[in-house]
Amino acid sequence: MHLGHLVGALDNWKRLQDEYSCFFMVADWHALMSEYERPQVLRQYTIDNVIDWLSVGISPEKSTIFVQSHVPEHLELDMILSCITPLGWLERCPTYKEQLRELKERDVSNYAFLGYPVLQAADILLYKADKVPVGEDQLPHLELTREIARRFNGLYKEVFLEPEALLTKASRLLGLDGRKMSKSYDNYIALSEEPQSIAKKVQNMFTDPARVKRSDLGHPNKCNVHSYYGVFAPEKQKEIVDKCRKAEIGCTDCKKELAQIILNFLGPIQEKRREFLEDKKHIADVLEHGREKASKKAKETISQVKDALKL
């Protein structure tokens, strides 16, 4: 995972686990929809995700951490919900069309990818979630989940809650090139990134295009580096802004200082990552414990669903 995930989701997850009973799921079935040509990578991706979560403070004592494919009821409920979901609901999903455009290097014109919002609905409804942390761009997906729940309850029996959005603030962190941070664009810094790589990537960040010479006055509000200071060193941002505007600091030195700030920020996280990487049994135990907790709730829900269907 990268800095965008940390700022946009993981920091929020840490707070939520002190207020709610949280389920954090590694969505490996969803990943298979686009990685079906090389499924062998998914096992390592799963471990890497869990290690990242634990390293930033997601706690197996406070929350349920599990892998989607370890709980077979996800696919069982997905099958049932797919029977009552009209094709039109899926075809008009804005994220589906966006992903088809973005993932040009992979062929995702398959049945599973069209139907992934139904599996997503099953992921949510299986645990009777009443709140789902999402950004505004994900609201159409959650509304589809609510529609599917409403349709099931209307056709058969009141089983599902209609989950509400727990809106999260949009990430203030763009990619290194000013676009959305994404692995597809290769404009990210991973939580596990090596120090030399971080320093190199930060030095290559786009800065104020109007500042050609060291003596030119800067315009920090037009510079992506400025926004990174706001996230990782807000106490230092005003000082950097003043120096930039007065040409008292050059872009090279400014980015060198930012790289060190990011390294210091990631240091404790990467130290924990190393510890978890050396203790594979602990990761396996966390996932087994999470599977047991998730399975208990999932089996209860599926039993109620089958009862409603008279199966």
Protein backbone atom coordinates (compact mmCIF):
# COMPACT_ATOMS: atom_id res chain seq x y z
CA MET A 1 0.00 0.00 0.00
CA HIS A 2 1.13 3.58 -0.54
CA LEU A 3 0.98 6.99 1.14
CA GLY A 4 -2.35 7.75 -0.55
CA HIS A 5 -3.90 4.67 1.09
CA LEU A 6 -2.46 5.73 4.44
CA VAL A 7 -3.82 9.29 4.30
CA GLY A 8 -7.06 8.40 2.50
CA ALA A 9 -8.10 5.24 4.36
CA LEU A 10 -5.80 3.62 6.91
CA ASP A 11 -5.56 6.61 9.28
CA ASN A 12 -9.36 6.72 9.29
CA TRP A 13 -9.61 2.98 9.92
CA LYS A 14 -7.41 3.36 12.99
CA ARG A 15 -9.82 5.91 14.44
CA LEU A 16 -12.93 3.90 13.55
CA GLN A 17 -11.79 0.77 15.38
CA ASP A 18 -12.00 2.73 18.65
CA GLU A 19 -15.64 3.66 17.94
CA TYR A 20 -17.11 0.65 16.09
CA SER A 21 -16.88 -3.11 15.78
CA CYS A 22 -14.92 -3.14 12.51
CA PHE A 23 -14.43 -5.81 9.86
CA PHE A 24 -11.37 -5.30 7.63
CA MET A 25 -11.31 -7.71 4.70
CA VAL A 26 -8.60 -8.53 2.17
CA ALA A 27 -10.69 -8.67 -1.01
CA ASP A 28 -8.81 -11.40 -2.88
CA TRP A 29 -11.84 -12.55 -4.90
CA HIS A 30 -12.22 -8.98 -6.14
CA ALA A 31 -8.52 -8.87 -6.99
CA LEU A 32 -8.84 -12.08 -9.00
CA MET A 33 -11.26 -10.30 -11.36
CA SER A 34 -8.37 -8.30 -12.82
CA GLU A 35 -5.49 -10.64 -11.90
CA TYR A 36 -6.98 -13.88 -13.24
CA GLU A 37 -4.07 -14.32 -15.66
CA ARG A 38 -1.56 -14.44 -12.80
CA PRO A 39 -3.42 -15.64 -9.69
CA GLN A 40 -0.15 -16.79 -8.11
CA VAL A 41 0.56 -13.20 -6.97
CA LEU A 42 -2.57 -12.93 -4.84
CA ARG A 43 -1.26 -14.92 -1.87
CA GLN A 44 1.72 -12.59 -1.44
CA TYR A 45 -0.44 -9.51 -2.07
CA THR A 46 -2.72 -10.71 0.74
CA ILE A 47 0.16 -11.06 3.19
CA ASP A 48 1.60 -7.69 2.16
CA ASN A 49 -1.75 -5.97 2.71
CA VAL A 50 -2.22 -7.45 6.17
CA ILE A 51 1.33 -6.53 7.19
CA ASP A 52 0.74 -2.95 6.04
CA TRP A 53 -2.50 -2.78 8.03
CA LEU A 54 -0.91 -4.12 11.20
CA SER A 55 2.12 -1.86 10.79
CA VAL A 56 0.04 1.32 10.77
CA GLY A 57 -2.01 0.29 13.79
CA ILE A 58 -4.98 -1.81 12.68
CA SER A 59 -5.39 -4.10 15.65
CA PRO A 60 -6.60 -7.74 15.60
CA GLU A 61 -7.59 -7.27 19.25
CA LYS A 62 -9.96 -4.42 18.38
CA SER A 63 -11.09 -5.47 14.89
CA THR A 64 -11.81 -8.50 12.72
CA ILE A 65 -9.09 -8.89 10.06
CA PHE A 66 -9.73 -11.65 7.54
CA VAL A 67 -9.42 -12.79 3.92
CA GLN A 68 -12.52 -12.82 1.72
CA SER A 69 -11.88 -16.26 0.19
CA HIS A 70 -11.45 -17.82 3.65
CA VAL A 71 -15.18 -17.27 4.29
CA PRO A 72 -17.15 -19.19 1.59
CA GLU A 73 -20.42 -17.48 2.49
CA HIS A 74 -19.30 -14.41 0.51
CA LEU A 75 -19.70 -16.29 -2.78
CA GLU A 76 -22.86 -18.01 -1.57
CA LEU A 77 -24.57 -14.70 -0.84
CA ASP A 78 -23.14 -13.20 -4.04
CA MET A 79 -24.87 -15.95 -6.05
CA ILE A 80 -28.20 -15.35 -4.33
CA LEU A 81 -28.04 -11.55 -4.71
CA SER A 82 -27.01 -11.83 -8.37
CA CYS A 83 -30.36 -13.52 -9.08
CA ILE A 84 -32.30 -10.44 -7.99
CA THR A 85 -29.99 -7.72 -9.36
CA PRO A 86 -31.09 -6.35 -12.77
CA LEU A 87 -28.35 -5.98 -15.38
CA GLY A 88 -29.27 -2.34 -15.85
CA TRP A 89 -28.22 -1.54 -12.29
CA LEU A 90 -24.74 -2.86 -13.00
CA GLU A 91 -24.31 -1.39 -16.46
CA ARG A 92 -25.03 2.14 -15.26
CA CYS A 93 -22.48 1.93 -12.43
CA PRO A 94 -20.06 4.86 -13.06
CA THR A 95 -17.05 3.14 -11.49
CA TYR A 96 -17.43 0.16 -13.84
CA LYS A 97 -17.12 2.39 -16.91
CA GLU A 98 -14.21 4.31 -15.36
CA GLN A 99 -12.31 1.11 -14.57
CA LEU A 100 -12.82 -0.21 -18.10
CA ARG A 101 -11.11 2.95 -19.37
CA GLU A 102 -8.30 2.94 -16.79
CA LEU A 103 -7.34 -0.75 -16.93
CA LYS A 104 -6.51 -0.80 -20.63
CA GLU A 105 -3.48 -3.05 -20.09
CA ARG A 106 -5.78 -5.81 -18.75
CA ASP A 107 -8.85 -7.42 -20.23
CA VAL A 108 -11.59 -6.96 -17.63
CA SER A 109 -14.52 -7.30 -20.02
CA ASN A 110 -15.72 -10.36 -18.13
CA TYR A 111 -18.84 -11.45 -16.27
CA ALA A 112 -17.21 -11.20 -12.85
CA PHE A 113 -16.03 -7.63 -13.34
CA LEU A 114 -19.47 -6.45 -14.44
CA GLY A 115 -20.96 -8.13 -11.39
CA TYR A 116 -18.39 -7.03 -8.82
CA PRO A 117 -20.79 -4.53 -7.15
CA VAL A 118 -23.00 -7.51 -6.28
CA LEU A 119 -20.10 -9.29 -4.58
CA GLN A 120 -19.30 -5.98 -2.88
CA ALA A 121 -22.89 -5.84 -1.63
CA ALA A 122 -22.55 -9.40 -0.32
CA ASP A 123 -19.34 -8.40 1.50
CA ILE A 124 -21.22 -5.63 3.32
CA LEU A 125 -24.61 -7.27 3.90
CA LEU A 126 -23.12 -10.55 5.15
CA TYR A 127 -22.01 -8.80 8.35
CA LYS A 128 -25.16 -6.69 8.80
CA ALA A 129 -22.99 -3.57 8.55
CA ASP A 130 -24.89 -0.42 9.45
CA LYS A 131 -22.04 1.94 8.51
CA VAL A 132 -19.54 1.75 5.64
CA PRO A 133 -16.59 4.18 5.49
CA VAL A 134 -16.49 5.54 1.93
CA GLY A 135 -15.45 8.61 0.01
CA GLU A 136 -18.00 10.55 -2.02
CA ASP A 137 -16.85 8.83 -5.22
CA GLN A 138 -17.95 5.48 -3.77
CA LEU A 139 -21.47 6.55 -2.84
CA PRO A 140 -23.02 5.06 -6.03
CA HIS A 141 -21.67 1.64 -5.01
CA LEU A 142 -23.13 1.90 -1.55
CA GLU A 143 -26.47 3.05 -2.93
CA LEU A 144 -26.51 -0.05 -5.14
CA THR A 145 -25.92 -2.19 -2.04
CA ARG A 146 -28.86 -0.44 -0.37
CA GLU A 147 -31.06 -1.09 -3.43
CA ILE A 148 -30.13 -4.77 -3.48
CA ALA A 149 -30.88 -5.08 0.25
CA ARG A 150 -34.20 -3.30 -0.24
CA ARG A 151 -35.14 -5.61 -3.12
CA PHE A 152 -34.29 -8.76 -1.14
CA ASN A 153 -36.26 -7.56 1.89
CA GLY A 154 -39.23 -6.68 -0.32
CA LEU A 155 -39.24 -9.94 -2.26
CA TYR A 156 -38.74 -12.32 0.66
CA LYS A 157 -38.32 -11.23 4.25
CA GLU A 158 -36.67 -8.43 6.22
CA VAL A 159 -33.13 -9.76 6.67
CA PHE A 160 -30.76 -6.96 5.73
CA LEU A 161 -30.09 -3.50 7.06
CA GLU A 162 -29.66 -0.70 4.53
CA PRO A 163 -26.13 0.40 5.38
CA GLU A 164 -25.38 4.09 5.66
CA ALA A 165 -22.30 5.90 4.41
CA LEU A 166 -19.75 7.01 6.93
CA LEU A 167 -18.26 9.69 4.72
CA THR A 168 -14.51 10.10 4.89
CA LYS A 169 -12.64 13.17 3.78
CA ALA A 170 -11.07 12.99 0.36
CA SER A 171 -7.33 12.38 0.48
CA ARG A 172 -5.31 15.60 0.34
CA LEU A 173 -2.45 13.69 -1.22
CA LEU A 174 -2.05 13.64 -4.98
CA GLY A 175 0.44 11.45 -6.79
CA LEU A 176 4.01 12.62 -7.29
CA ASP A 177 3.08 13.93 -10.75
CA GLY A 178 -0.02 15.80 -9.58
CA ARG A 179 -2.52 13.19 -10.75
CA LYS A 180 -4.45 10.79 -8.51
CA MET A 181 -1.95 8.57 -6.67
CA SER A 182 -2.09 5.16 -8.31
CA LYS A 183 0.14 2.19 -8.92
CA SER A 184 -1.12 2.23 -12.51
CA TYR A 185 0.49 5.66 -12.95
CA ASP A 186 3.65 4.72 -11.02
CA ASN A 187 3.37 8.03 -9.16
CA TYR A 188 3.29 6.70 -5.60
CA ILE A 189 5.50 6.08 -2.58
CA ALA A 190 4.87 2.68 -1.02
CA LEU A 191 4.80 2.24 2.74
CA SER A 192 7.60 -0.29 2.26
CA GLU A 193 9.65 1.88 -0.14
CA GLU A 194 13.44 1.86 0.30
CA PRO A 195 15.01 5.18 1.49
CA GLN A 196 17.06 5.67 -1.71
CA SER A 197 13.95 5.16 -3.83
CA ILE A 198 11.93 7.64 -1.74
CA ALA A 199 14.66 10.28 -2.04
CA LYS A 200 14.83 9.78 -5.81
CA LYS A 201 11.08 9.90 -6.29
CA VAL A 202 10.69 13.07 -4.21
CA GLN A 203 13.49 14.78 -6.15
CA ASN A 204 11.59 14.03 -9.36
CA MET A 205 8.33 15.57 -8.11
CA PHE A 206 6.82 18.35 -10.20
CA THR A 207 7.14 21.79 -8.64
CA ASP A 208 6.08 25.35 -9.53
CA PRO A 209 6.39 25.49 -13.36
CA ALA A 210 6.90 29.27 -13.25
CA ARG A 211 9.99 28.95 -11.08
CA VAL A 212 12.82 28.37 -13.54
CA LYS A 213 15.81 29.85 -11.71
CA ARG A 214 16.80 29.53 -8.04
CA SER A 215 16.28 33.28 -7.62
CA ASP A 216 12.70 33.23 -8.99
CA LEU A 217 9.99 33.82 -6.39
CA GLY A 218 7.94 30.68 -5.78
CA HIS A 219 4.19 30.07 -5.81
CA PRO A 220 3.73 27.25 -3.27
CA ASN A 221 -0.04 27.08 -3.80
CA LYS A 222 0.72 25.78 -7.33
CA CYS A 223 3.28 23.25 -6.13
CA ASN A 224 2.46 19.65 -5.21
CA VAL A 225 5.43 19.52 -2.80
CA HIS A 226 3.69 22.18 -0.72
CA SER A 227 0.65 19.90 -0.21
CA TYR A 228 2.91 17.08 1.05
CA TYR A 229 4.30 19.41 3.72
CA GLY A 230 0.71 20.10 4.75
CA VAL A 231 0.11 16.39 5.35
CA PHE A 232 3.42 15.20 6.82
CA ALA A 233 4.85 18.35 8.43
CA PRO A 234 2.05 20.90 8.93
CA GLU A 235 4.08 22.61 11.68
CA LYS A 236 6.80 23.34 9.13
CA GLN A 237 4.59 24.26 6.19
CA LYS A 238 4.32 28.00 6.94
CA GLU A 239 8.09 28.34 7.23
CA ILE A 240 8.63 26.55 3.89
CA VAL A 241 5.92 28.65 2.22
CA ASP A 242 7.53 31.90 3.38
CA LYS A 243 10.98 30.80 2.22
CA CYS A 244 9.62 29.65 -1.14
CA ARG A 245 7.80 32.91 -1.80
CA LYS A 246 10.94 34.90 -0.99
CA ALA A 247 13.23 32.57 -2.96
CA GLU A 248 15.13 31.78 0.25
CA ILE A 249 14.98 28.05 -0.50
CA GLY A 250 15.32 26.28 -3.85
CA CYS A 251 13.15 23.42 -5.08
CA THR A 252 16.01 20.92 -4.77
CA ASP A 253 16.62 21.72 -1.10
CA CYS A 254 12.89 21.89 -0.42
CA LYS A 255 12.39 18.39 -1.84
CA LYS A 256 15.46 17.05 -0.06
CA GLU A 257 13.97 18.21 3.25
CA LEU A 258 10.58 16.71 2.34
CA ALA A 259 12.20 13.35 1.54
CA GLN A 260 13.78 13.28 5.00
CA ILE A 261 10.42 14.16 6.61
CA ILE A 262 8.73 11.26 4.79
CA LEU A 263 11.55 8.90 5.76
CA ASN A 264 11.19 9.90 9.42
CA PHE A 265 7.42 9.47 9.17
CA LEU A 266 7.67 5.99 7.64
CA GLY A 267 10.52 4.84 9.90
CA PRO A 268 8.37 3.38 12.73
CA ILE A 269 5.95 1.82 10.24
CA GLN A 270 8.76 0.14 8.32
CA GLU A 271 10.35 -1.12 11.53
CA LYS A 272 7.07 -2.83 12.45
CA ARG A 273 6.84 -4.22 8.91
CA ARG A 274 10.23 -5.86 9.32
CA GLU A 275 9.12 -7.43 12.60
CA PHE A 276 5.94 -8.83 11.05
CA LEU A 277 7.81 -10.12 7.99
CA GLU A 278 10.01 -12.19 10.31
CA ASP A 279 7.00 -13.63 12.15
CA LYS A 280 4.85 -15.33 9.51
CA LYS A 281 3.15 -17.47 12.15
CA HIS A 282 1.75 -14.34 13.79
CA ILE A 283 0.20 -13.24 10.48
CA ALA A 284 -1.31 -16.71 9.98
CA ASP A 285 -2.72 -16.63 13.54
CA VAL A 286 -4.24 -13.16 12.99
CA LEU A 287 -5.97 -14.33 9.81
CA GLU A 288 -7.21 -17.57 11.36
CA HIS A 289 -8.61 -15.70 14.36
CA GLY A 290 -10.26 -13.22 11.98
CA ARG A 291 -11.67 -16.04 9.84
CA GLU A 292 -13.29 -17.63 12.90
CA LYS A 293 -14.92 -14.37 13.98
CA ALA A 294 -16.07 -13.48 10.45
CA SER A 295 -17.35 -17.02 9.75
CA LYS A 296 -19.53 -17.02 12.85
CA LYS A 297 -21.36 -13.89 11.75
CA ALA A 298 -21.47 -14.95 8.07
CA LYS A 299 -23.04 -18.33 8.88
CA GLU A 300 -25.75 -16.64 10.97
CA THR A 301 -26.66 -14.34 8.09
CA ILE A 302 -26.68 -17.10 5.45
CA SER A 303 -28.95 -19.17 7.67
CA GLN A 304 -31.41 -16.26 7.84
CA VAL A 305 -31.18 -15.75 4.06
CA LYS A 306 -31.93 -19.42 3.33
CA ASP A 307 -34.80 -19.32 5.77
CA ALA A 308 -36.23 -16.29 3.95
CA LEU A 309 -35.89 -18.13 0.61
CA LYS A 310 -37.38 -21.33 2.06
CA LEU A 311 -34.26 -23.21 0.97
